[in-house]
């Protein structure tokens, strides 16, 4: 009997510890535990050194100027294109998105990586990047926008009256990042 009670107490204590760990665990926008692995681990690159995340970028594909796409996003909607620029900011939680600008202080677009198909280093801001993917226009809920701003540092210059945001975004299948300077 004492042995059964002891096992019961031990089981309850172990279960309580696991539940406490799950309750305190940070979650992403999908409500899943935050991913922390070698993909989003901070990197120290030397000048000219590159890293790739996701699928390899087609070597022979034409690069479209980001400013050109932002001037007429409907022209490129649904087409696989390659754009390049500088990573202005990125997700600080798990590296699940980046904001790519044509230059520092220039126009930019938020780049996602499928449904969290891959991640970029948490310290990727400032790296030059080339991304292959598809432009889309979508509406983000107020809750999602608030999360992106408050927890990840995203910036949205215009919000809809209900707090949502209609954004031109880029869903990348692959990203190549290079240290310059």
Foldseek 3Di string as FASTA:
>chain_A
DVVVVVVVVVVVVVVVVVVVCVVPFDADPVRHGADDDPAAAADDDDAFDKDKKFDDDDPPFDEDEPVVCVVPVVVFAPHKHKYKAFFQFAFQGHQQWTWGANYHVHDTAIEGAPPCPGGHYNPRGGWIKMFIFGKDKDKAALVNVCCCCVRGNDDDPDAPPRNIDTGTHTHTRMMMTGHHD
